[in-house]
Amino acid sequence: MTTPRTLTESLLASCQPVSGEGGGAVRAYCPFHGSDHQRSLHVDLVTGRFKCFACAAWGYLEGYRARRRMTRAHVARRRFFGFKTPAQELSLLSAVRVLPEPQRLPPGVIAEYEGYRKALPGSRGEAYLAERGIPLHLALRYGVGYAAPGKWAHRDRAGRPVRQWWRGGRVVFPETNPQGEIVNLYGRAVGDAPRGKAHDHLPGAKGWFNAEVIRLVGDGLLFIAEGVFDALSLIAAGCWQTVAVVGVNGIRWPWLEPISELAVGFDADETGQATARELVRQATLRGKRARVLPPDCYGGCKDASEAWQGGVLDLAGWY
């Protein structure tokens, strides 16, 4: 049997495909042996599998590599979730909301962020981090900064600074993409701020906190936390391969393409656990191994951050 190959959509498009079998498949010239007289390549658009009836080349479309990795356990899970056919599974995956790709912050904003980083040592922000069990050296290593009262520059859609004042200032966290580029900033108000002032992001698409670690993990295990303090707490506890999605609605599946296993550490409440289970389901349908970090790890606390602060975060066996 020949070795399976990968066929990109652009390469398939160059082979002049024509529809067949009710639109569920296409026939095209084969790029692997260079046919240009007979459309011998058959591509199943439901499973992503293709085969050339002339040269016997076979494999999968580039976007369907996850299917190729599915084990019998994954198939059993798919049946457990109620999908009787691959077409039903494909329909669910295609219906997932696609998030806009964030753009790198302009140089002026990056310069302002560097000022926040320099201002962290000795500030109210450092004291606030210490209260939550995050040492200064760890915060500095992961690019955390501090915006003093009146210095946090939220920008409107026209790019004009809008100074959002809070008496304690804000601890500032970089949001990045897997390439390590800063694409947004998150400012957490220091102290007990009302909900409307506690959390703030710059306008535009959000990134993830510590997203660049995805490249280091490769196809290994990645921890996903809901918030930045949860992520820092997991990192402080030894789980260096942790990202924070900065909210439960920011899952970017293309970023997770190389990852083979996920551990989801969301809040211990009903909403957090339900969202974590849904994320695990979505990951499983994509051929990944995924688990929910059980609430027992938090020692009765509501999340990883509170558990770390209270000295009861227990991750034995998870890293």
C-alpha atoms as a PDB file:
ATOM      1  CA  MET A   1       0.000   0.000   0.000  1.00  0.00           C
ATOM      2  CA  THR A   2       1.274   3.483  -0.821  1.00  0.00           C
ATOM      3  CA  THR A   3       2.032   6.010   1.899  1.00  0.00           C
ATOM      4  CA  PRO A   4      -0.902   8.364   2.677  1.00  0.00           C
ATOM      5  CA  ARG A   5      -0.492  11.897   1.365  1.00  0.00           C
ATOM      6  CA  THR A   6      -1.919  15.312   2.171  1.00  0.00           C
ATOM      7  CA  LEU A   7      -3.802  17.336  -0.420  1.00  0.00           C
ATOM      8  CA  THR A   8      -4.224  21.075   0.102  1.00  0.00           C
ATOM      9  CA  GLU A   9      -7.350  22.867  -1.017  1.00  0.00           C
ATOM     10  CA  SER A  10      -5.330  25.166  -3.302  1.00  0.00           C
ATOM     11  CA  LEU A  11      -3.703  22.190  -5.016  1.00  0.00           C
ATOM     12  CA  LEU A  12      -7.078  20.512  -5.441  1.00  0.00           C
ATOM     13  CA  ALA A  13      -8.518  23.705  -6.944  1.00  0.00           C
ATOM     14  CA  SER A  14      -5.705  23.759  -9.531  1.00  0.00           C
ATOM     15  CA  CYS A  15      -6.671  20.253 -10.671  1.00  0.00           C
ATOM     16  CA  GLN A  16     -10.003  21.416 -12.143  1.00  0.00           C
ATOM     17  CA  PRO A  17     -12.374  19.447  -9.903  1.00  0.00           C
ATOM     18  CA  VAL A  18     -15.944  18.742 -11.008  1.00  0.00           C
ATOM     19  CA  SER A  19     -18.842  17.736  -8.765  1.00  0.00           C
ATOM     20  CA  GLY A  20     -20.140  14.236  -8.662  1.00  0.00           C
ATOM     21  CA  GLU A  21     -22.339  11.931  -6.610  1.00  0.00           C
ATOM     22  CA  GLY A  22     -24.824  14.580  -5.567  1.00  0.00           C
ATOM     23  CA  GLY A  23     -22.231  17.091  -4.449  1.00  0.00           C
ATOM     24  CA  GLY A  24     -20.747  14.851  -1.757  1.00  0.00           C
ATOM     25  CA  ALA A  25     -17.600  14.199  -3.770  1.00  0.00           C
ATOM     26  CA  VAL A  26     -15.537  15.626  -6.615  1.00  0.00           C
ATOM     27  CA  ARG A  27     -13.402  14.191  -9.384  1.00  0.00           C
ATOM     28  CA  ALA A  28     -10.214  15.943 -10.471  1.00  0.00           C
ATOM     29  CA  TYR A  29      -6.966  15.498 -12.369  1.00  0.00           C
ATOM     30  CA  CYS A  30      -4.384  13.803 -10.160  1.00  0.00           C
ATOM     31  CA  PRO A  31      -1.501  16.067  -9.115  1.00  0.00           C
ATOM     32  CA  PHE A  32       0.563  13.106  -7.913  1.00  0.00           C
ATOM     33  CA  HIS A  33       1.154  11.476 -11.295  1.00  0.00           C
ATOM     34  CA  GLY A  34       0.391  14.580 -13.357  1.00  0.00           C
ATOM     35  CA  SER A  35      -2.706  13.423 -15.213  1.00  0.00           C
ATOM     36  CA  ASP A  36      -4.318  16.026 -17.461  1.00  0.00           C
ATOM     37  CA  HIS A  37      -6.601  13.909 -19.655  1.00  0.00           C
ATOM     38  CA  GLN A  38      -8.623  11.871 -17.193  1.00  0.00           C
ATOM     39  CA  ARG A  39     -10.053  12.922 -13.831  1.00  0.00           C
ATOM     40  CA  SER A  40      -8.900   9.849 -11.944  1.00  0.00           C
ATOM     41  CA  LEU A  41      -8.737  11.494  -8.504  1.00  0.00           C
ATOM     42  CA  HIS A  42     -11.815  10.936  -6.335  1.00  0.00           C
ATOM     43  CA  VAL A  43     -12.245  13.159  -3.255  1.00  0.00           C
ATOM     44  CA  ASP A  44     -14.914  12.486  -0.630  1.00  0.00           C
ATOM     45  CA  LEU A  45     -15.904  15.893   0.767  1.00  0.00           C
ATOM     46  CA  VAL A  46     -17.534  14.370   3.839  1.00  0.00           C
ATOM     47  CA  THR A  47     -14.611  12.308   5.127  1.00  0.00           C
ATOM     48  CA  GLY A  48     -11.858  14.286   3.410  1.00  0.00           C
ATOM     49  CA  ARG A  49     -10.350  11.075   1.975  1.00  0.00           C
ATOM     50  CA  PHE A  50      -9.101  10.950  -1.611  1.00  0.00           C
ATOM     51  CA  LYS A  51      -7.826   8.223  -3.929  1.00  0.00           C
ATOM     52  CA  CYS A  52      -6.477   8.144  -7.462  1.00  0.00           C
ATOM     53  CA  PHE A  53      -7.752   5.178  -9.450  1.00  0.00           C
ATOM     54  CA  ALA A  54      -4.826   5.461 -11.866  1.00  0.00           C
ATOM     55  CA  CYS A  55      -1.719   5.723  -9.650  1.00  0.00           C
ATOM     56  CA  ALA A  56      -3.270   4.522  -6.337  1.00  0.00           C
ATOM     57  CA  ALA A  57      -2.174   7.649  -4.456  1.00  0.00           C
ATOM     58  CA  TRP A  58      -4.407   8.228  -1.451  1.00  0.00           C
ATOM     59  CA  GLY A  59      -4.653  10.340   1.691  1.00  0.00           C
ATOM     60  CA  TYR A  60      -6.678  13.169   3.192  1.00  0.00           C
ATOM     61  CA  LEU A  61      -7.402  16.806   2.560  1.00  0.00           C
ATOM     62  CA  GLU A  62      -5.226  19.083   4.665  1.00  0.00           C
ATOM     63  CA  GLY A  63      -8.083  20.202   6.929  1.00  0.00           C
ATOM     64  CA  TYR A  64      -9.003  16.629   7.819  1.00  0.00           C
ATOM     65  CA  ARG A  65      -5.791  15.458   9.471  1.00  0.00           C
ATOM     66  CA  ALA A  66      -7.619  15.203  12.786  1.00  0.00           C
ATOM     67  CA  ARG A  67      -9.909  12.531  11.318  1.00  0.00           C
ATOM     68  CA  ARG A  68      -6.928  10.472  10.228  1.00  0.00           C
ATOM     69  CA  ARG A  69      -5.723  10.399  13.864  1.00  0.00           C
ATOM     70  CA  MET A  70      -9.056   9.222  15.303  1.00  0.00           C
ATOM     71  CA  THR A  71      -8.808   5.985  17.293  1.00  0.00           C
ATOM     72  CA  ARG A  72     -11.547   3.505  18.062  1.00  0.00           C
ATOM     73  CA  ALA A  73     -12.016   5.285  21.379  1.00  0.00           C
ATOM     74  CA  HIS A  74     -12.687   8.539  19.574  1.00  0.00           C
ATOM     75  CA  VAL A  75     -15.216   6.827  17.308  1.00  0.00           C
ATOM     76  CA  ALA A  76     -16.950   5.433  20.390  1.00  0.00           C
ATOM     77  CA  ARG A  77     -17.072   8.893  21.916  1.00  0.00           C
ATOM     78  CA  ARG A  78     -18.555  10.290  18.728  1.00  0.00           C
ATOM     79  CA  ARG A  79     -21.312   7.706  18.953  1.00  0.00           C
ATOM     80  CA  PHE A  80     -21.808   8.571  22.618  1.00  0.00           C
ATOM     81  CA  PHE A  81     -22.360  12.211  21.643  1.00  0.00           C
ATOM     82  CA  GLY A  82     -25.122  11.077  19.268  1.00  0.00           C
ATOM     83  CA  PHE A  83     -23.555  11.539  15.832  1.00  0.00           C
ATOM     84  CA  LYS A  84     -24.473   8.564  13.697  1.00  0.00           C
ATOM     85  CA  THR A  85     -22.682   9.672  10.536  1.00  0.00           C
ATOM     86  CA  PRO A  86     -19.528  11.649   9.694  1.00  0.00           C
ATOM     87  CA  ALA A  87     -21.755  14.152   7.897  1.00  0.00           C
ATOM     88  CA  GLN A  88     -23.538  15.038  11.156  1.00  0.00           C
ATOM     89  CA  GLU A  89     -20.193  15.540  12.869  1.00  0.00           C
ATOM     90  CA  LEU A  90     -18.919  17.692  10.008  1.00  0.00           C
ATOM     91  CA  SER A  91     -22.097  19.792  10.186  1.00  0.00           C
ATOM     92  CA  LEU A  92     -21.440  20.584  13.865  1.00  0.00           C
ATOM     93  CA  LEU A  93     -17.806  21.494  13.302  1.00  0.00           C
ATOM     94  CA  SER A  94     -18.607  23.785  10.390  1.00  0.00           C
ATOM     95  CA  ALA A  95     -21.242  25.588  12.476  1.00  0.00           C
ATOM     96  CA  VAL A  96     -18.713  26.684  15.117  1.00  0.00           C
ATOM     97  CA  ARG A  97     -18.293  30.444  15.159  1.00  0.00           C
ATOM     98  CA  VAL A  98     -15.038  31.535  13.526  1.00  0.00           C
ATOM     99  CA  LEU A  99     -13.284  34.254  15.503  1.00  0.00           C
ATOM    100  CA  PRO A 100     -11.537  37.079  13.644  1.00  0.00           C
ATOM    101  CA  GLU A 101      -7.760  36.775  13.625  1.00  0.00           C
ATOM    102  CA  PRO A 102      -6.229  39.427  15.912  1.00  0.00           C
ATOM    103  CA  GLN A 103      -3.690  41.869  14.539  1.00  0.00           C
ATOM    104  CA  ARG A 104      -0.415  42.872  16.150  1.00  0.00           C
ATOM    105  CA  LEU A 105      -0.644  46.039  18.251  1.00  0.00           C
ATOM    106  CA  PRO A 106       0.836  49.203  16.704  1.00  0.00           C
ATOM    107  CA  PRO A 107       4.295  50.355  17.896  1.00  0.00           C
ATOM    108  CA  GLY A 108       2.839  53.232  19.939  1.00  0.00           C
ATOM    109  CA  VAL A 109       0.731  50.906  22.046  1.00  0.00           C
ATOM    110  CA  ILE A 110       3.621  48.460  22.425  1.00  0.00           C
ATOM    111  CA  ALA A 111       5.769  51.315  23.759  1.00  0.00           C
ATOM    112  CA  GLU A 112       3.070  52.187  26.261  1.00  0.00           C
ATOM    113  CA  TYR A 113       2.889  48.549  27.345  1.00  0.00           C
ATOM    114  CA  GLU A 114       6.655  48.491  27.916  1.00  0.00           C
ATOM    115  CA  GLY A 115       6.135  51.416  30.287  1.00  0.00           C
ATOM    116  CA  TYR A 116       3.585  49.350  32.196  1.00  0.00           C
ATOM    117  CA  ARG A 117       6.113  46.523  32.571  1.00  0.00           C
ATOM    118  CA  LYS A 118       8.743  48.862  33.988  1.00  0.00           C
ATOM    119  CA  ALA A 119       6.225  50.309  36.445  1.00  0.00           C
ATOM    120  CA  LEU A 120       5.267  46.980  38.049  1.00  0.00           C
ATOM    121  CA  PRO A 121       8.080  46.543  40.648  1.00  0.00           C
ATOM    122  CA  GLY A 122       7.207  48.361  43.857  1.00  0.00           C
ATOM    123  CA  SER A 123       3.727  49.312  42.659  1.00  0.00           C
ATOM    124  CA  ARG A 124       0.229  48.551  43.915  1.00  0.00           C
ATOM    125  CA  GLY A 125       0.134  46.018  41.135  1.00  0.00           C
ATOM    126  CA  GLU A 126       3.000  44.040  42.655  1.00  0.00           C
ATOM    127  CA  ALA A 127       1.258  44.058  46.050  1.00  0.00           C
ATOM    128  CA  TYR A 128      -1.998  42.894  44.442  1.00  0.00           C
ATOM    129  CA  LEU A 129      -0.216  40.035  42.667  1.00  0.00           C
ATOM    130  CA  ALA A 130       1.437  39.021  45.939  1.00  0.00           C
ATOM    131  CA  GLU A 131      -1.965  38.885  47.637  1.00  0.00           C
ATOM    132  CA  ARG A 132      -3.031  36.383  45.000  1.00  0.00           C
ATOM    133  CA  GLY A 133       0.105  34.280  45.434  1.00  0.00           C
ATOM    134  CA  ILE A 134       1.931  35.432  42.296  1.00  0.00           C
ATOM    135  CA  PRO A 135       5.578  36.398  42.964  1.00  0.00           C
ATOM    136  CA  LEU A 136       7.116  39.358  41.163  1.00  0.00           C
ATOM    137  CA  HIS A 137       9.731  37.339  39.283  1.00  0.00           C
ATOM    138  CA  LEU A 138       7.038  35.108  37.768  1.00  0.00           C
ATOM    139  CA  ALA A 139       4.894  38.073  36.772  1.00  0.00           C
ATOM    140  CA  LEU A 140       7.841  39.809  35.107  1.00  0.00           C
ATOM    141  CA  ARG A 141       8.792  36.643  33.268  1.00  0.00           C
ATOM    142  CA  TYR A 142       5.338  36.501  31.686  1.00  0.00           C
ATOM    143  CA  GLY A 143       5.204  40.171  30.738  1.00  0.00           C
ATOM    144  CA  VAL A 144       2.835  41.487  33.411  1.00  0.00           C
ATOM    145  CA  GLY A 145       2.808  45.257  33.963  1.00  0.00           C
ATOM    146  CA  TYR A 146       1.034  47.952  35.937  1.00  0.00           C
ATOM    147  CA  ALA A 147      -0.931  51.011  34.794  1.00  0.00           C
ATOM    148  CA  ALA A 148      -1.205  53.609  37.571  1.00  0.00           C
ATOM    149  CA  PRO A 149      -4.541  55.424  38.106  1.00  0.00           C
ATOM    150  CA  GLY A 150      -5.346  57.411  34.973  1.00  0.00           C
ATOM    151  CA  LYS A 151      -2.605  55.723  32.896  1.00  0.00           C
ATOM    152  CA  TRP A 152      -4.509  52.768  31.481  1.00  0.00           C
ATOM    153  CA  ALA A 153      -5.213  53.836  27.915  1.00  0.00           C
ATOM    154  CA  HIS A 154      -8.272  52.110  26.556  1.00  0.00           C
ATOM    155  CA  ARG A 155      -8.830  53.203  22.959  1.00  0.00           C
ATOM    156  CA  ASP A 156     -12.049  53.784  21.111  1.00  0.00           C
ATOM    157  CA  ARG A 157     -12.743  52.451  17.626  1.00  0.00           C
ATOM    158  CA  ALA A 158     -11.077  55.498  16.073  1.00  0.00           C
ATOM    159  CA  GLY A 159      -7.896  54.775  18.014  1.00  0.00           C
ATOM    160  CA  ARG A 160      -8.233  57.766  20.368  1.00  0.00           C
ATOM    161  CA  PRO A 161      -7.077  57.193  23.983  1.00  0.00           C
ATOM    162  CA  VAL A 162      -9.897  56.971  26.495  1.00  0.00           C
ATOM    163  CA  ARG A 163      -8.449  57.100  29.994  1.00  0.00           C
ATOM    164  CA  GLN A 164     -10.408  54.705  32.184  1.00  0.00           C
ATOM    165  CA  TRP A 165      -9.714  55.672  35.762  1.00  0.00           C
ATOM    166  CA  TRP A 166      -9.681  53.328  38.723  1.00  0.00           C
ATOM    167  CA  ARG A 167      -8.262  54.341  42.085  1.00  0.00           C
ATOM    168  CA  GLY A 168      -5.983  51.303  42.383  1.00  0.00           C
ATOM    169  CA  GLY A 169      -4.767  51.276  38.801  1.00  0.00           C
ATOM    170  CA  ARG A 170      -4.669  48.106  36.706  1.00  0.00           C
ATOM    171  CA  VAL A 171      -2.459  45.070  36.427  1.00  0.00           C
ATOM    172  CA  VAL A 172      -1.792  44.691  32.704  1.00  0.00           C
ATOM    173  CA  PHE A 173      -1.418  41.340  30.917  1.00  0.00           C
ATOM    174  CA  PRO A 174      -0.305  40.826  27.303  1.00  0.00           C
ATOM    175  CA  GLU A 175      -2.550  38.854  24.972  1.00  0.00           C
ATOM    176  CA  THR A 176      -0.547  37.143  22.259  1.00  0.00           C
ATOM    177  CA  ASN A 177      -0.880  34.771  19.314  1.00  0.00           C
ATOM    178  CA  PRO A 178       1.086  31.508  18.952  1.00  0.00           C
ATOM    179  CA  GLN A 179       3.873  33.441  17.205  1.00  0.00           C
ATOM    180  CA  GLY A 180       4.386  35.492  20.356  1.00  0.00           C
ATOM    181  CA  GLU A 181       3.108  38.760  18.866  1.00  0.00           C
ATOM    182  CA  ILE A 182       1.181  41.015  21.255  1.00  0.00           C
ATOM    183  CA  VAL A 183      -2.294  41.508  19.791  1.00  0.00           C
ATOM    184  CA  ASN A 184      -4.185  43.012  22.725  1.00  0.00           C
ATOM    185  CA  LEU A 185      -3.849  44.037  26.374  1.00  0.00           C
ATOM    186  CA  TYR A 186      -6.016  43.090  29.320  1.00  0.00           C
ATOM    187  CA  GLY A 187      -6.223  45.382  32.346  1.00  0.00           C
ATOM    188  CA  ARG A 188      -7.454  43.953  35.666  1.00  0.00           C
ATOM    189  CA  ALA A 189      -8.448  46.601  38.200  1.00  0.00           C
ATOM    190  CA  VAL A 190      -6.462  46.345  41.437  1.00  0.00           C
ATOM    191  CA  GLY A 191      -8.698  45.627  44.425  1.00  0.00           C
ATOM    192  CA  ASP A 192     -12.441  45.034  44.669  1.00  0.00           C
ATOM    193  CA  ALA A 193     -13.678  46.975  41.653  1.00  0.00           C
ATOM    194  CA  PRO A 194     -17.303  46.771  40.490  1.00  0.00           C
ATOM    195  CA  ARG A 195     -17.871  44.337  37.655  1.00  0.00           C
ATOM    196  CA  GLY A 196     -18.165  47.097  35.065  1.00  0.00           C
ATOM    197  CA  LYS A 197     -14.671  48.360  35.900  1.00  0.00           C
ATOM    198  CA  ALA A 198     -12.876  45.195  36.981  1.00  0.00           C
ATOM    199  CA  HIS A 199     -12.048  43.910  33.502  1.00  0.00           C
ATOM    200  CA  ASP A 200     -11.029  45.825  30.402  1.00  0.00           C
ATOM    201  CA  HIS A 201      -9.437  45.042  27.056  1.00  0.00           C
ATOM    202  CA  LEU A 202      -8.248  47.246  24.260  1.00  0.00           C
ATOM    203  CA  PRO A 203     -10.619  47.320  21.257  1.00  0.00           C
ATOM    204  CA  GLY A 204     -10.193  44.647  18.624  1.00  0.00           C
ATOM    205  CA  ALA A 205      -9.942  40.865  18.587  1.00  0.00           C
ATOM    206  CA  LYS A 206      -8.580  39.243  21.733  1.00  0.00           C
ATOM    207  CA  GLY A 207      -5.559  37.004  21.944  1.00  0.00           C
ATOM    208  CA  TRP A 208      -4.594  34.505  24.637  1.00  0.00           C
ATOM    209  CA  PHE A 209      -2.335  34.953  27.605  1.00  0.00           C
ATOM    210  CA  ASN A 210       0.883  32.941  27.043  1.00  0.00           C
ATOM    211  CA  ALA A 211      -0.287  31.688  23.631  1.00  0.00           C
ATOM    212  CA  GLU A 212       3.324  31.407  22.455  1.00  0.00           C
ATOM    213  CA  VAL A 213       3.767  28.329  24.665  1.00  0.00           C
ATOM    214  CA  ILE A 214       1.727  26.365  22.085  1.00  0.00           C
ATOM    215  CA  ARG A 215       4.833  26.187  19.879  1.00  0.00           C
ATOM    216  CA  LEU A 216       6.848  24.677  22.749  1.00  0.00           C
ATOM    217  CA  VAL A 217       4.183  22.103  23.602  1.00  0.00           C
ATOM    218  CA  GLY A 218       3.993  20.805  20.039  1.00  0.00           C
ATOM    219  CA  ASP A 219       1.753  17.745  19.991  1.00  0.00           C
ATOM    220  CA  GLY A 220       1.883  17.324  23.785  1.00  0.00           C
ATOM    221  CA  LEU A 221      -0.423  18.283  26.647  1.00  0.00           C
ATOM    222  CA  LEU A 222      -1.732  21.856  26.932  1.00  0.00           C
ATOM    223  CA  PHE A 223      -3.619  23.278  29.921  1.00  0.00           C
ATOM    224  CA  ILE A 224      -6.369  25.793  29.123  1.00  0.00           C
ATOM    225  CA  ALA A 225      -7.465  28.206  31.851  1.00  0.00           C
ATOM    226  CA  GLU A 226     -10.327  30.665  31.758  1.00  0.00           C
ATOM    227  CA  GLY A 227      -8.561  33.716  33.225  1.00  0.00           C
ATOM    228  CA  VAL A 228      -5.046  35.089  33.523  1.00  0.00           C
ATOM    229  CA  PHE A 229      -4.795  34.593  37.288  1.00  0.00           C
ATOM    230  CA  ASP A 230      -5.918  30.987  36.880  1.00  0.00           C
ATOM    231  CA  ALA A 231      -3.202  30.505  34.255  1.00  0.00           C
ATOM    232  CA  LEU A 232      -0.500  32.113  36.398  1.00  0.00           C
ATOM    233  CA  SER A 233      -1.578  29.954  39.340  1.00  0.00           C
ATOM    234  CA  LEU A 234      -1.330  26.765  37.270  1.00  0.00           C
ATOM    235  CA  ILE A 235       2.062  27.889  35.975  1.00  0.00           C
ATOM    236  CA  ALA A 236       3.252  28.645  39.516  1.00  0.00           C
ATOM    237  CA  ALA A 237       2.101  25.145  40.514  1.00  0.00           C
ATOM    238  CA  GLY A 238       4.299  23.582  37.831  1.00  0.00           C
ATOM    239  CA  CYS A 239       2.039  23.492  34.756  1.00  0.00           C
ATOM    240  CA  TRP A 240       4.198  25.718  32.532  1.00  0.00           C
ATOM    241  CA  GLN A 241       2.281  24.622  29.425  1.00  0.00           C
ATOM    242  CA  THR A 242      -0.786  26.731  30.277  1.00  0.00           C
ATOM    243  CA  VAL A 243      -2.676  29.380  28.317  1.00  0.00           C
ATOM    244  CA  ALA A 244      -5.594  31.587  29.346  1.00  0.00           C
ATOM    245  CA  VAL A 245      -8.332  32.140  26.792  1.00  0.00           C
ATOM    246  CA  VAL A 246      -9.447  35.292  28.672  1.00  0.00           C
ATOM    247  CA  GLY A 247     -13.104  34.251  28.837  1.00  0.00           C
ATOM    248  CA  VAL A 248     -14.914  31.074  27.854  1.00  0.00           C
ATOM    249  CA  ASN A 249     -15.902  32.216  24.345  1.00  0.00           C
ATOM    250  CA  GLY A 250     -12.443  32.697  22.882  1.00  0.00           C
ATOM    251  CA  ILE A 251     -11.495  29.202  21.684  1.00  0.00           C
ATOM    252  CA  ARG A 252      -9.463  29.451  18.485  1.00  0.00           C
ATOM    253  CA  TRP A 253      -9.296  25.916  17.123  1.00  0.00           C
ATOM    254  CA  PRO A 254      -6.796  26.685  14.338  1.00  0.00           C
ATOM    255  CA  TRP A 255      -4.315  27.739  17.033  1.00  0.00           C
ATOM    256  CA  LEU A 256      -4.748  24.336  18.692  1.00  0.00           C
ATOM    257  CA  GLU A 257      -4.195  22.325  15.517  1.00  0.00           C
ATOM    258  CA  PRO A 258      -0.770  20.940  16.580  1.00  0.00           C
ATOM    259  CA  ILE A 259      -1.934  20.056  20.101  1.00  0.00           C
ATOM    260  CA  SER A 260      -2.924  16.422  20.676  1.00  0.00           C
ATOM    261  CA  GLU A 261      -4.108  16.595  24.303  1.00  0.00           C
ATOM    262  CA  LEU A 262      -5.935  19.222  26.378  1.00  0.00           C
ATOM    263  CA  ALA A 263      -6.625  19.652  30.088  1.00  0.00           C
ATOM    264  CA  VAL A 264      -9.380  22.213  30.643  1.00  0.00           C
ATOM    265  CA  GLY A 265      -9.254  24.055  33.966  1.00  0.00           C
ATOM    266  CA  PHE A 266     -12.325  26.300  34.092  1.00  0.00           C
ATOM    267  CA  ASP A 267     -14.252  27.506  37.150  1.00  0.00           C
ATOM    268  CA  ALA A 268     -15.735  24.893  39.476  1.00  0.00           C
ATOM    269  CA  ASP A 269     -19.263  26.332  39.247  1.00  0.00           C
ATOM    270  CA  GLU A 270     -21.958  24.815  37.055  1.00  0.00           C
ATOM    271  CA  THR A 271     -21.395  27.242  34.177  1.00  0.00           C
ATOM    272  CA  GLY A 272     -17.641  26.750  34.142  1.00  0.00           C
ATOM    273  CA  GLN A 273     -17.877  22.965  34.261  1.00  0.00           C
ATOM    274  CA  ALA A 274     -20.562  22.827  31.553  1.00  0.00           C
ATOM    275  CA  THR A 275     -18.438  25.037  29.305  1.00  0.00           C
ATOM    276  CA  ALA A 276     -15.383  22.870  29.988  1.00  0.00           C
ATOM    277  CA  ARG A 277     -17.292  19.709  29.059  1.00  0.00           C
ATOM    278  CA  GLU A 278     -18.434  21.320  25.826  1.00  0.00           C
ATOM    279  CA  LEU A 279     -14.850  22.266  25.007  1.00  0.00           C
ATOM    280  CA  VAL A 280     -13.794  18.681  25.662  1.00  0.00           C
ATOM    281  CA  ARG A 281     -16.535  17.482  23.349  1.00  0.00           C
ATOM    282  CA  GLN A 282     -15.418  19.837  20.605  1.00  0.00           C
ATOM    283  CA  ALA A 283     -11.812  18.727  21.055  1.00  0.00           C
ATOM    284  CA  THR A 284     -12.783  15.055  20.917  1.00  0.00           C
ATOM    285  CA  LEU A 285     -14.675  15.584  17.671  1.00  0.00           C
ATOM    286  CA  ARG A 286     -11.451  17.019  16.273  1.00  0.00           C
ATOM    287  CA  GLY A 287      -9.516  13.878  17.134  1.00  0.00           C
ATOM    288  CA  LYS A 288      -7.825  15.197  20.282  1.00  0.00           C
ATOM    289  CA  ARG A 289      -7.613  13.690  23.737  1.00  0.00           C
ATOM    290  CA  ALA A 290      -9.203  16.050  26.244  1.00  0.00           C
ATOM    291  CA  ARG A 291     -10.071  16.052  29.941  1.00  0.00           C
ATOM    292  CA  VAL A 292     -11.708  18.420  32.398  1.00  0.00           C
ATOM    293  CA  LEU A 293      -9.633  19.402  35.415  1.00  0.00           C
ATOM    294  CA  PRO A 294     -11.973  18.138  38.185  1.00  0.00           C
ATOM    295  CA  PRO A 295     -13.214  20.596  40.845  1.00  0.00           C
ATOM    296  CA  ASP A 296     -11.522  18.395  43.468  1.00  0.00           C
ATOM    297  CA  CYS A 297      -8.223  19.892  42.295  1.00  0.00           C
ATOM    298  CA  TYR A 298      -9.403  23.240  43.661  1.00  0.00           C
ATOM    299  CA  GLY A 299      -9.929  21.972  47.187  1.00  0.00           C
ATOM    300  CA  GLY A 300     -13.433  23.418  47.468  1.00  0.00           C
ATOM    301  CA  CYS A 301     -12.478  26.784  45.944  1.00  0.00           C
ATOM    302  CA  LYS A 302     -14.184  28.294  42.934  1.00  0.00           C
ATOM    303  CA  ASP A 303     -11.158  28.300  40.602  1.00  0.00           C
ATOM    304  CA  ALA A 304      -7.441  27.605  40.300  1.00  0.00           C
ATOM    305  CA  SER A 305      -6.478  31.129  41.368  1.00  0.00           C
ATOM    306  CA  GLU A 306      -8.408  31.009  44.643  1.00  0.00           C
ATOM    307  CA  ALA A 307      -7.110  27.498  45.310  1.00  0.00           C
ATOM    308  CA  TRP A 308      -3.500  28.574  44.728  1.00  0.00           C
ATOM    309  CA  GLN A 309      -3.959  31.616  46.954  1.00  0.00           C
ATOM    310  CA  GLY A 310      -5.382  29.374  49.674  1.00  0.00           C
ATOM    311  CA  GLY A 311      -2.644  26.749  49.343  1.00  0.00           C
ATOM    312  CA  VAL A 312      -5.020  23.928  48.373  1.00  0.00           C
ATOM    313  CA  LEU A 313      -4.415  23.615  44.603  1.00  0.00           C
ATOM    314  CA  ASP A 314      -3.712  19.918  44.027  1.00  0.00           C
ATOM    315  CA  LEU A 315      -2.548  18.887  40.559  1.00  0.00           C
ATOM    316  CA  ALA A 316      -0.937  15.569  41.461  1.00  0.00           C
ATOM    317  CA  GLY A 317      -0.937  13.295  38.423  1.00  0.00           C
ATOM    318  CA  TRP A 318      -1.778  16.057  35.951  1.00  0.00           C
ATOM    319  CA  TYR A 319       1.746  17.099  34.904  1.00  0.00           C
END
